[in-house]
Amino acid sequence: MPPALTSLFALLPGYIPSPPDNGFYIGPLFVHAYGLAYVFAVAAAILVTVRRWEAIGGHRDLVYEVALWAFPAGLVGGRIYFLLTTPSQMPNHWWGPFAIWDGGLGIWGGVALGAAVGIWRVRRHGADVARFMDAVAPALLVAQAIGRVGNYFNQELFGIPSKLPWALEISPAHRPPGYGGYATFQPTFLYELIWNLLLAFALVQLGKRRSIKAPGLFALYIAGYSAFRVFEETIRIDYSKYILGMRLNFFVALMICLAGLLWFVGIQLGWRWAWPGRRSSDREGQGGKDRDGEGRGGGRGGKDRGGKDRGGNGRGGKSREEPAPVRQPL
């Protein structure tokens, strides 16, 4: 190795340093980095969804409306899930349940309530819910990846102690009980960030090159993200409820991953239970327009009962909450 590069690597700290603060001041106003990360996350999700939805004939106004409703719902759902599963981590103040700027959002609660509200708005417009879900799936992963940057500034979402070159430095005030003698930990927030971006890329490519029945991509998003969380929950050391020696969210992630895979298979094989809301757009001749003038098939015209297509060119014819046991470093 050239001497210049050797000297450069010698100057590197050998770990990821922790941030000096979790935000900054603009005048008297303190801007939390966690909240700012979520602002960028939502903006990115909207941009990605607009691009994908318009590519299949949808209108961006629907994306804006769904975001306006689904994002607040996702915050509420995520906070409720966090408070139900780890109530001891709520700040001991009257405003503790609302202190999302300190972190504490459960992803599955956020996705569940956000998706429910989003589906409601899409149905209100008569648009194709399944294809909209496929359009938004990679966008959610991009948003989650950006949101993990907020975890870095809050010094949370890290794993067992580690001496790896990319280990994350955690200040003493943020180290869990029993880990005060360790300074660097597995950066699980970074692992998840990378995984989410890779999975988003894979879903986009799969949607382009394969014939995937909607909402198959959304089912793969659920399964793929949860699969990573199964691994992540084995190295996290923050407070959690434990069942049979494993973190509660380990079992939640495992069940959701398996359910997502089964859901995907059911969608592709046409099992009615897998998507009971599927309209007849999968059958030729029964397309339709929503209130915005978009086809229910996401922009494709179908054939009407008289045999003509929509364009007029058709043919005739039991648990406890406790700190994680101290784990040895890798």
Protein backbone atom coordinates (compact mmCIF):
# COMPACT_ATOMS: atom_id res chain seq x y z
CA MET A 1 0.00 0.00 0.00
CA PRO A 2 1.37 3.45 -0.86
CA PRO A 3 2.70 5.36 2.18
CA ALA A 4 0.15 8.13 1.64
CA LEU A 5 -2.78 5.71 1.93
CA THR A 6 -1.20 4.02 4.94
CA SER A 7 -0.95 7.38 6.68
CA LEU A 8 -4.55 8.20 5.74
CA PHE A 9 -5.93 4.96 7.18
CA ALA A 10 -3.86 5.50 10.34
CA LEU A 11 -5.74 8.76 10.90
CA LEU A 12 -9.16 7.06 10.74
CA PRO A 13 -10.72 6.46 14.18
CA GLY A 14 -11.50 2.76 13.56
CA TYR A 15 -15.16 3.26 14.48
CA ILE A 16 -18.14 5.44 13.62
CA PRO A 17 -18.09 8.39 16.04
CA SER A 18 -21.27 9.33 17.84
CA PRO A 19 -22.81 12.72 16.98
CA PRO A 20 -22.09 15.59 19.37
CA ASP A 21 -25.79 16.46 19.62
CA ASN A 22 -29.14 15.27 18.36
CA GLY A 23 -30.11 18.53 16.73
CA PHE A 24 -29.35 22.20 16.32
CA TYR A 25 -30.78 25.62 17.09
CA ILE A 26 -32.33 28.07 14.68
CA GLY A 27 -32.63 31.09 16.92
CA PRO A 28 -34.57 29.98 20.00
CA LEU A 29 -35.99 26.94 18.16
CA PHE A 30 -34.29 23.56 18.61
CA VAL A 31 -34.58 21.35 15.56
CA HIS A 32 -34.41 17.64 16.39
CA ALA A 33 -32.41 15.63 13.86
CA TYR A 34 -34.79 12.70 14.35
CA GLY A 35 -37.75 14.79 13.30
CA LEU A 36 -35.85 16.36 10.44
CA ALA A 37 -34.92 12.91 9.16
CA TYR A 38 -38.59 12.01 9.05
CA VAL A 39 -39.37 15.14 7.06
CA PHE A 40 -36.84 14.12 4.43
CA ALA A 41 -38.12 10.55 4.61
CA VAL A 42 -41.68 11.58 3.84
CA ALA A 43 -40.54 13.84 1.02
CA ALA A 44 -38.53 11.02 -0.54
CA ALA A 45 -41.42 8.59 -0.22
CA ILE A 46 -43.74 11.03 -1.98
CA LEU A 47 -41.28 11.65 -4.80
CA VAL A 48 -40.68 7.94 -5.41
CA THR A 49 -44.38 7.09 -5.25
CA VAL A 50 -45.32 9.93 -7.61
CA ARG A 51 -42.81 8.71 -10.16
CA ARG A 52 -43.98 5.09 -9.95
CA TRP A 53 -47.69 5.90 -9.84
CA GLU A 54 -47.56 8.23 -12.80
CA ALA A 55 -45.58 5.63 -14.75
CA ILE A 56 -48.65 3.38 -14.71
CA GLY A 57 -51.11 6.13 -15.56
CA GLY A 58 -52.02 7.43 -12.11
CA HIS A 59 -52.28 11.05 -11.04
CA ARG A 60 -49.92 12.60 -8.49
CA ASP A 61 -52.74 14.37 -6.66
CA LEU A 62 -53.83 11.02 -5.26
CA VAL A 63 -50.31 10.42 -3.89
CA TYR A 64 -50.32 13.81 -2.18
CA GLU A 65 -53.69 13.16 -0.57
CA VAL A 66 -52.75 9.68 0.63
CA ALA A 67 -49.53 11.05 2.15
CA LEU A 68 -51.47 13.81 3.90
CA TRP A 69 -53.61 11.22 5.64
CA ALA A 70 -51.33 8.19 5.94
CA PHE A 71 -48.22 9.85 7.38
CA PRO A 72 -49.94 11.21 10.55
CA ALA A 73 -51.73 7.89 10.90
CA GLY A 74 -48.39 6.09 10.66
CA LEU A 75 -46.93 8.25 13.44
CA VAL A 76 -49.91 7.49 15.66
CA GLY A 77 -49.80 3.77 14.89
CA GLY A 78 -46.07 3.56 15.40
CA ARG A 79 -46.24 5.38 18.72
CA ILE A 80 -49.11 3.22 19.97
CA TYR A 81 -47.18 0.05 19.12
CA PHE A 82 -44.09 1.34 20.93
CA LEU A 83 -46.05 2.32 24.06
CA LEU A 84 -47.83 -1.04 24.16
CA THR A 85 -44.68 -3.11 23.79
CA THR A 86 -42.17 -1.01 25.80
CA PRO A 87 -44.16 1.22 28.19
CA SER A 88 -41.20 1.65 30.56
CA GLN A 89 -39.34 3.59 27.89
CA MET A 90 -41.92 6.38 27.81
CA PRO A 91 -40.59 9.67 29.29
CA ASN A 92 -41.96 10.21 32.82
CA HIS A 93 -43.89 13.37 32.01
CA TRP A 94 -47.47 14.16 31.10
CA TRP A 95 -46.34 14.69 27.53
CA GLY A 96 -44.38 11.43 27.51
CA PRO A 97 -46.76 9.55 25.20
CA PHE A 98 -46.35 12.24 22.57
CA ALA A 99 -42.53 12.66 22.73
CA ILE A 100 -41.79 11.12 19.36
CA TRP A 101 -38.84 13.50 18.89
CA ASP A 102 -36.94 11.31 21.36
CA GLY A 103 -37.58 8.25 19.19
CA GLY A 104 -39.92 5.41 19.99
CA LEU A 105 -41.90 4.47 16.91
CA GLY A 106 -42.77 0.84 16.22
CA ILE A 107 -42.54 0.22 12.49
CA TRP A 108 -45.25 -2.40 12.32
CA GLY A 109 -47.79 -0.23 14.08
CA GLY A 110 -46.91 2.62 11.76
CA VAL A 111 -47.18 0.54 8.60
CA ALA A 112 -50.43 -1.10 9.74
CA LEU A 113 -52.33 2.08 10.56
CA GLY A 114 -50.75 4.10 7.79
CA ALA A 115 -51.59 1.45 5.22
CA ALA A 116 -55.17 1.13 6.48
CA VAL A 117 -55.75 4.87 6.18
CA GLY A 118 -54.00 4.99 2.82
CA ILE A 119 -56.12 2.16 1.43
CA TRP A 120 -59.23 3.97 2.61
CA ARG A 121 -58.26 7.11 0.70
CA VAL A 122 -57.36 5.21 -2.46
CA ARG A 123 -60.67 3.35 -2.38
CA ARG A 124 -62.51 6.63 -1.90
CA HIS A 125 -61.10 7.73 -5.24
CA GLY A 126 -61.96 4.45 -6.95
CA ALA A 127 -58.33 3.85 -7.93
CA ASP A 128 -56.65 0.46 -8.03
CA VAL A 129 -55.58 -0.22 -4.42
CA ALA A 130 -53.38 -3.21 -5.26
CA ARG A 131 -51.32 -1.38 -7.87
CA PHE A 132 -51.02 1.68 -5.65
CA MET A 133 -49.63 -0.54 -2.87
CA ASP A 134 -47.04 -1.90 -5.27
CA ALA A 135 -46.12 1.63 -6.31
CA VAL A 136 -45.58 2.73 -2.72
CA ALA A 137 -43.68 -0.36 -1.45
CA PRO A 138 -40.15 0.69 -2.54
CA ALA A 139 -40.90 4.26 -1.46
CA LEU A 140 -41.62 3.10 2.08
CA LEU A 141 -38.26 1.33 2.21
CA VAL A 142 -36.46 4.47 1.06
CA ALA A 143 -38.29 6.46 3.73
CA GLN A 144 -37.41 3.94 6.43
CA ALA A 145 -33.75 4.06 5.37
CA ILE A 146 -33.66 7.85 5.70
CA GLY A 147 -35.47 7.64 9.03
CA ARG A 148 -32.67 5.44 10.39
CA VAL A 149 -30.32 8.43 10.15
CA GLY A 150 -32.44 9.94 12.93
CA ASN A 151 -31.67 6.88 15.07
CA TYR A 152 -27.97 7.64 14.64
CA PHE A 153 -28.37 11.16 16.01
CA ASN A 154 -30.45 9.84 18.92
CA GLN A 155 -27.77 7.17 19.61
CA GLU A 156 -30.27 4.35 19.52
CA LEU A 157 -30.90 1.21 17.51
CA PHE A 158 -27.48 -0.34 18.05
CA GLY A 159 -26.46 -3.90 18.82
CA ILE A 160 -24.02 -5.88 20.91
CA PRO A 161 -20.53 -4.55 21.69
CA SER A 162 -18.13 -4.79 18.79
CA LYS A 163 -14.55 -3.92 17.81
CA LEU A 164 -15.26 -3.95 14.08
CA PRO A 165 -13.88 -1.00 12.09
CA TRP A 166 -17.41 0.20 11.45
CA ALA A 167 -18.60 -0.24 15.06
CA LEU A 168 -20.65 2.64 16.42
CA GLU A 169 -19.40 4.74 19.32
CA ILE A 170 -22.11 5.28 21.95
CA SER A 171 -21.69 7.89 24.69
CA PRO A 172 -21.95 6.61 28.31
CA ALA A 173 -25.32 8.29 28.85
CA HIS A 174 -26.87 6.19 26.08
CA ARG A 175 -25.39 2.79 26.95
CA PRO A 176 -27.79 0.20 28.39
CA PRO A 177 -27.33 -1.11 31.95
CA GLY A 178 -24.47 -3.60 32.09
CA TYR A 179 -22.68 -2.14 29.09
CA GLY A 180 -21.02 0.88 30.67
CA GLY A 181 -17.57 -0.62 30.12
CA TYR A 182 -18.04 -0.87 26.36
CA ALA A 183 -17.63 2.06 24.01
CA THR A 184 -18.45 0.72 20.53
CA PHE A 185 -21.37 -1.39 19.35
CA GLN A 186 -22.84 -2.99 16.25
CA PRO A 187 -24.45 -0.23 14.14
CA THR A 188 -27.75 -1.99 13.51
CA PHE A 189 -29.29 1.26 12.30
CA LEU A 190 -26.72 1.26 9.47
CA TYR A 191 -27.30 -2.39 8.61
CA GLU A 192 -31.01 -1.73 8.33
CA LEU A 193 -30.46 1.41 6.27
CA ILE A 194 -28.39 -0.53 3.73
CA TRP A 195 -30.82 -3.45 3.67
CA ASN A 196 -33.81 -1.20 3.07
CA LEU A 197 -32.16 0.50 0.10
CA LEU A 198 -31.09 -2.82 -1.41
CA LEU A 199 -34.56 -4.27 -0.96
CA ALA A 200 -36.15 -1.18 -2.51
CA PHE A 201 -33.87 -1.53 -5.55
CA ALA A 202 -34.72 -5.24 -5.82
CA LEU A 203 -38.46 -4.55 -5.72
CA VAL A 204 -38.17 -1.93 -8.43
CA GLN A 205 -36.21 -4.27 -10.68
CA LEU A 206 -38.53 -7.18 -9.97
CA GLY A 207 -41.51 -5.06 -10.85
CA LYS A 208 -39.92 -4.15 -14.19
CA ARG A 209 -38.71 -7.54 -15.28
CA ARG A 210 -41.19 -10.02 -13.85
CA SER A 211 -44.90 -10.47 -14.13
CA ILE A 212 -45.87 -9.93 -10.51
CA LYS A 213 -49.56 -9.72 -9.68
CA ALA A 214 -50.39 -6.74 -7.48
CA PRO A 215 -50.02 -6.24 -4.56
CA GLY A 216 -47.21 -8.82 -4.73
CA LEU A 217 -44.44 -6.25 -4.38
CA PHE A 218 -46.02 -4.92 -1.20
CA ALA A 219 -46.20 -8.46 0.18
CA LEU A 220 -42.50 -8.90 -0.60
CA TYR A 221 -41.78 -5.59 1.12
CA ILE A 222 -43.49 -6.86 4.27
CA ALA A 223 -41.71 -10.22 4.12
CA GLY A 224 -38.31 -8.83 3.15
CA TYR A 225 -38.16 -6.10 5.77
CA SER A 226 -39.39 -8.47 8.48
CA ALA A 227 -36.78 -11.06 7.48
CA PHE A 228 -34.04 -8.56 8.24
CA ARG A 229 -35.68 -7.66 11.54
CA VAL A 230 -35.51 -11.34 12.56
CA PHE A 231 -31.72 -11.04 12.32
CA GLU A 232 -31.60 -7.56 13.84
CA GLU A 233 -33.56 -8.60 16.93
CA THR A 234 -30.89 -11.21 17.74
CA ILE A 235 -28.18 -8.55 18.21
CA ARG A 236 -30.10 -5.63 19.70
CA ILE A 237 -29.54 -4.98 23.42
CA ASP A 238 -32.02 -2.22 24.27
CA TYR A 239 -35.00 -2.79 26.53
CA SER A 240 -37.67 -5.17 25.31
CA LYS A 241 -40.26 -7.65 26.42
CA TYR A 242 -38.84 -11.16 26.38
CA ILE A 243 -40.62 -14.42 25.61
CA LEU A 244 -38.78 -17.74 25.84
CA GLY A 245 -35.50 -15.88 26.06
CA MET A 246 -36.02 -13.95 22.85
CA ARG A 247 -37.13 -10.39 22.23
CA LEU A 248 -40.83 -9.90 21.55
CA ASN A 249 -40.14 -8.29 18.20
CA PHE A 250 -38.14 -11.33 17.11
CA PHE A 251 -41.34 -13.36 17.15
CA VAL A 252 -43.37 -10.53 15.66
CA ALA A 253 -40.91 -10.19 12.79
CA LEU A 254 -40.79 -13.94 12.21
CA MET A 255 -44.57 -14.27 12.05
CA ILE A 256 -44.96 -11.25 9.79
CA CYS A 257 -42.21 -12.50 7.48
CA LEU A 258 -43.88 -15.88 7.09
CA ALA A 259 -47.27 -14.26 6.65
CA GLY A 260 -45.86 -11.94 3.99
CA LEU A 261 -44.38 -14.84 2.05
CA LEU A 262 -47.64 -16.78 2.25
CA TRP A 263 -49.53 -13.69 1.18
CA PHE A 264 -47.25 -13.25 -1.81
CA VAL A 265 -47.72 -16.86 -2.89
CA GLY A 266 -51.47 -16.57 -2.48
CA ILE A 267 -51.60 -13.41 -4.59
CA GLN A 268 -49.58 -14.96 -7.39
CA LEU A 269 -51.64 -18.16 -7.40
CA GLY A 270 -54.90 -16.24 -7.35
CA TRP A 271 -56.14 -17.48 -4.00
CA ARG A 272 -59.19 -15.40 -3.25
CA TRP A 273 -58.37 -14.90 0.43
CA ALA A 274 -55.01 -13.37 -0.49
CA TRP A 275 -56.65 -10.30 -2.02
CA PRO A 276 -60.44 -10.39 -1.46
CA GLY A 277 -60.68 -6.77 -2.57
CA ARG A 278 -59.34 -7.59 -6.03
CA ARG A 279 -61.57 -6.13 -8.64
CA SER A 280 -62.41 -7.74 -11.92
CA SER A 281 -59.66 -5.77 -13.66
CA ASP A 282 -57.66 -8.98 -13.83
CA ARG A 283 -60.33 -10.29 -16.18
CA GLU A 284 -60.38 -8.80 -19.63
CA GLY A 285 -63.28 -6.61 -20.44
CA GLN A 286 -64.05 -5.16 -17.02
CA GLY A 287 -61.80 -2.16 -16.55
CA GLY A 288 -63.15 1.07 -15.17
CA LYS A 289 -62.35 4.66 -14.42
CA ASP A 290 -61.99 6.19 -11.03
CA ARG A 291 -63.18 9.59 -10.04
CA ASP A 292 -59.96 11.16 -11.24
CA GLY A 293 -60.33 9.59 -14.65
CA GLU A 294 -57.65 6.97 -14.02
CA GLY A 295 -58.15 3.41 -15.03
CA ARG A 296 -58.61 0.99 -12.18
CA GLY A 297 -55.82 -1.01 -13.66
CA GLY A 298 -53.43 1.86 -13.00
CA GLY A 299 -53.86 3.55 -16.35
CA ARG A 300 -54.52 0.68 -18.72
CA GLY A 301 -57.77 0.63 -20.55
CA GLY A 302 -59.90 -2.48 -20.47
CA LYS A 303 -62.65 -3.57 -22.82
CA ASP A 304 -66.22 -2.69 -22.22
CA ARG A 305 -69.05 -5.14 -22.49
CA GLY A 306 -69.65 -4.23 -26.08
CA GLY A 307 -66.20 -5.44 -27.04
CA LYS A 308 -64.58 -2.03 -27.55
CA ASP A 309 -61.65 -0.88 -25.55
CA ARG A 310 -61.70 2.33 -23.54
CA GLY A 311 -59.76 4.13 -26.20
CA GLY A 312 -62.39 3.34 -28.85
CA ASN A 313 -60.10 1.08 -30.85
CA GLY A 314 -61.36 -2.26 -29.72
CA ARG A 315 -62.41 -5.21 -31.75
CA GLY A 316 -66.01 -6.09 -32.53
CA GLY A 317 -67.28 -8.98 -31.32
CA LYS A 318 -47.23 -14.49 28.58
CA SER A 319 -44.30 -11.96 28.77
CA ARG A 320 -42.21 -9.63 30.97
CA GLU A 321 -40.33 -6.44 30.28
CA GLU A 322 -36.69 -6.40 31.23
CA PRO A 323 -33.31 -5.29 29.96
CA ALA A 324 -31.54 -7.56 27.55
CA PRO A 325 -28.93 -9.88 29.09
CA VAL A 326 -25.38 -8.58 28.71
CA ARG A 327 -23.89 -9.94 25.50
CA GLN A 328 -20.21 -10.40 24.72
CA PRO A 329 -18.66 -8.30 21.95
CA LEU A 330 -17.94 -9.56 18.48
